[in-house]
Protein backbone atom coordinates (compact mmCIF):
# COMPACT_ATOMS: atom_id res chain seq x y z
CA MET A 1 101.06 135.00 -304.86
CA ASN A 2 97.42 135.24 -305.89
CA MET A 3 94.72 137.42 -304.29
CA LYS A 4 93.17 134.50 -302.39
CA SER A 5 96.54 133.53 -300.81
CA THR A 6 97.24 137.14 -299.85
CA ALA A 7 93.81 137.50 -298.22
CA MET A 8 94.34 134.25 -296.29
CA ILE A 9 97.76 135.37 -294.98
CA VAL A 10 96.38 138.77 -293.94
CA GLY A 11 93.46 137.07 -292.19
CA LEU A 12 95.72 134.65 -290.29
CA THR A 13 98.05 137.50 -289.30
CA CYS A 14 95.09 139.48 -287.91
CA LEU A 15 93.83 136.40 -286.05
CA ALA A 16 97.27 135.80 -284.51
CA ALA A 17 97.49 139.45 -283.40
CA ALA A 18 94.01 139.26 -281.86
CA CYS A 19 94.96 136.13 -279.91
CA GLN A 20 98.05 137.87 -278.49
CA SER A 21 96.15 140.98 -277.35
CA GLN A 22 93.70 139.88 -274.69
CA PRO A 23 90.82 142.23 -273.90
CA PRO A 24 90.74 143.74 -270.41
CA ARG A 25 88.47 142.01 -267.90
CA PRO A 26 86.84 143.46 -264.79
CA LEU A 27 88.07 142.48 -261.33
CA LEU A 28 85.12 143.93 -259.38
CA HIS A 29 81.65 142.47 -259.82
CA GLY A 30 78.77 144.42 -258.27
CA ASP A 31 78.59 143.69 -254.54
CA ASP A 32 80.34 140.33 -254.82
CA TYR A 33 83.85 139.81 -253.43
CA SER A 34 84.34 136.70 -255.58
CA GLY A 35 87.86 136.62 -256.93
CA TRP A 36 89.25 138.56 -253.93
CA HIS A 37 90.73 137.72 -250.53
CA LYS A 38 89.35 140.31 -248.14
CA PRO A 39 91.38 141.01 -244.97
CA VAL A 40 90.16 139.20 -241.88
CA GLY A 41 89.30 140.37 -238.39
CA ALA A 42 89.03 144.08 -237.64
CA GLU A 43 90.74 144.94 -240.97
CA ALA A 44 87.75 143.57 -242.89
CA ALA A 45 85.63 146.51 -241.69
CA HIS A 46 87.89 148.93 -243.61
CA TRP A 47 86.56 147.58 -246.94
CA GLN A 48 83.05 147.98 -248.42
CA LEU A 49 81.98 146.89 -251.92
CA ARG A 50 78.85 148.53 -253.33
CA GLY A 51 77.72 148.49 -256.94
CA GLY A 52 81.15 147.64 -258.31
CA LYS A 53 82.89 150.39 -256.32
CA LEU A 54 85.30 149.41 -253.57
CA GLU A 55 85.53 151.86 -250.67
CA CYS A 56 88.37 151.77 -248.17
CA GLN A 57 88.90 153.55 -244.85
CA ALA A 58 92.62 154.35 -244.57
CA PRO A 59 94.95 153.05 -243.38
CA ALA A 60 94.05 149.51 -244.36
CA ALA A 61 95.66 146.16 -245.05
CA PRO A 62 95.56 145.20 -248.74
CA ILE A 63 92.77 143.29 -250.41
CA TRP A 64 94.23 140.72 -252.88
CA THR A 65 92.93 138.95 -255.97
CA GLU A 66 92.67 135.18 -255.69
CA ALA A 67 94.29 134.83 -259.12
CA ASP A 68 97.95 135.44 -259.85
CA PHE A 69 99.10 137.61 -262.73
CA GLY A 70 102.40 138.04 -264.53
CA ASP A 71 102.95 140.66 -267.21
CA CYS A 72 99.75 142.69 -267.33
CA GLU A 73 98.15 146.08 -267.67
CA ILE A 74 95.86 147.30 -264.89
CA THR A 75 93.47 150.21 -265.30
CA LEU A 76 91.34 151.69 -262.53
CA ASP A 77 89.66 154.84 -261.33
CA VAL A 78 90.41 156.23 -257.85
CA ARG A 79 89.01 159.14 -255.87
CA VAL A 80 89.38 160.51 -252.37
CA LEU A 81 86.10 160.71 -250.49
CA GLU A 82 87.52 162.43 -247.39
CA GLY A 83 90.82 163.18 -245.68
CA HIS A 84 94.25 162.84 -247.26
CA PRO A 85 94.81 159.16 -248.01
CA THR A 86 97.07 157.67 -250.63
CA ALA A 87 95.77 154.76 -252.70
CA VAL A 88 98.22 151.92 -253.31
CA LEU A 89 98.28 149.43 -256.20
CA PHE A 90 100.24 146.18 -255.89
CA ALA A 91 101.10 143.97 -258.86
CA ARG A 92 102.51 140.45 -258.47
CA GLY A 93 101.96 140.24 -254.71
CA PRO A 94 103.86 141.63 -251.74
CA ARG A 95 107.25 140.93 -253.41
CA GLY A 96 106.16 142.60 -256.63
CA PHE A 97 105.51 146.15 -257.71
CA GLN A 98 104.00 148.73 -255.35
CA VAL A 99 102.71 152.00 -256.82
CA ALA A 100 101.45 154.93 -254.73
CA LEU A 101 98.52 156.57 -256.52
CA GLU A 102 98.09 160.21 -255.58
CA PRO A 103 94.50 160.96 -256.64
CA ARG A 104 93.08 164.36 -257.53
CA PRO A 105 91.47 166.52 -254.84
CA THR A 106 88.48 165.19 -252.89
CA GLY A 107 85.62 163.96 -255.04
CA GLN A 108 87.42 163.99 -258.39
CA TRP A 109 88.19 160.71 -260.16
CA SER A 110 91.72 159.91 -261.29
CA ARG A 111 92.28 157.45 -264.13
CA ILE A 112 95.27 155.13 -263.72
CA ARG A 113 96.86 152.82 -266.27
CA ALA A 114 99.79 150.75 -265.05
CA LYS A 115 101.71 148.32 -267.25
CA PHE A 116 103.95 145.69 -265.64
CA GLU A 117 106.23 143.82 -267.99
CA GLY A 118 109.31 141.91 -266.87
CA GLU A 119 111.12 144.09 -264.34
CA ALA A 120 109.69 147.35 -265.72
CA ASN A 121 106.55 149.30 -265.00
CA ASP A 122 105.01 152.27 -266.76
CA VAL A 123 102.36 154.22 -264.87
CA ASP A 124 100.02 156.86 -266.26
CA ILE A 125 98.02 158.80 -263.65
CA ASP A 126 95.81 161.39 -265.33
CA ARG A 127 98.30 161.62 -268.22
CA GLU A 128 101.29 162.11 -265.91
CA LEU A 129 103.74 159.38 -266.88
CA SER A 130 106.39 157.65 -264.81
CA ALA A 131 108.49 154.56 -265.32
CA ALA A 132 110.66 152.38 -263.12
CA VAL A 133 112.68 149.18 -263.20
CA MET A 134 112.75 146.81 -260.23
CA PRO A 135 115.45 144.12 -260.55
CA GLY A 136 114.45 140.83 -258.94
CA VAL A 137 110.73 141.66 -258.73
CA ALA A 138 108.37 138.65 -258.45
CA LYS A 139 107.34 137.23 -261.84
CA HIS A 140 103.77 136.31 -260.78
CA GLY A 141 101.43 137.14 -257.95
CA PRO A 142 98.07 138.64 -257.03
CA ILE A 143 96.91 142.20 -257.62
CA GLY A 144 96.29 144.19 -254.45
CA LEU A 145 94.67 147.45 -253.46
CA SER A 146 95.30 149.35 -250.25
CA THR A 147 95.42 152.79 -248.66
CA GLU A 148 97.81 154.73 -246.46
CA GLY A 149 97.36 157.94 -244.49
CA GLY A 150 93.94 158.88 -243.16
CA GLY A 151 90.57 159.21 -244.85
CA ARG A 152 88.47 157.28 -247.34
CA VAL A 153 89.25 156.23 -250.92
CA GLU A 154 87.03 154.68 -253.58
CA PHE A 155 88.24 152.36 -256.37
CA ALA A 156 86.13 151.68 -259.49
CA ASN A 157 86.43 150.19 -262.97
CA VAL A 158 89.31 147.93 -261.92
CA MET A 159 90.36 146.02 -265.04
CA VAL A 160 93.28 143.74 -265.94
CA ARG A 161 94.63 142.71 -269.33
CA ASP A 162 97.16 139.90 -269.61
CA LEU A 163 100.02 140.88 -271.91
CA HIS A 164 101.09 137.36 -272.88
């Protein structure tokens, strides 16, 4: 094989790898709820979007993306503003994965990376790792955010990267 052929094969291999690894894309856009289904009625008042940060008064019904996702990686930042709420991340809708996110003490941001592939999930919360397998979990569905307990939580830098 000559140098030109080798360079072409390496270039095509790199291009194929780049096509398989999608860059993450933001799910929150300023003060615009586009791409999300906000709860209706009295539950809507629990959610406020300001400058790309989503604040929630707990407990609250989930807010869901309009788009469905399958195997993906979700990253986000979460912090408690007051009280003792628990943030909740849903992947693949109500019949999919549900991950309780225990943020750091009031005012401190926690960084979460959650990977959902097949029936498995890997979650990294501030470098504390956990993994689980959920047989029969939904294959596709929306991403959701919610809170339990009492107090206020803020979500920011919510990103998703499709894995396939």
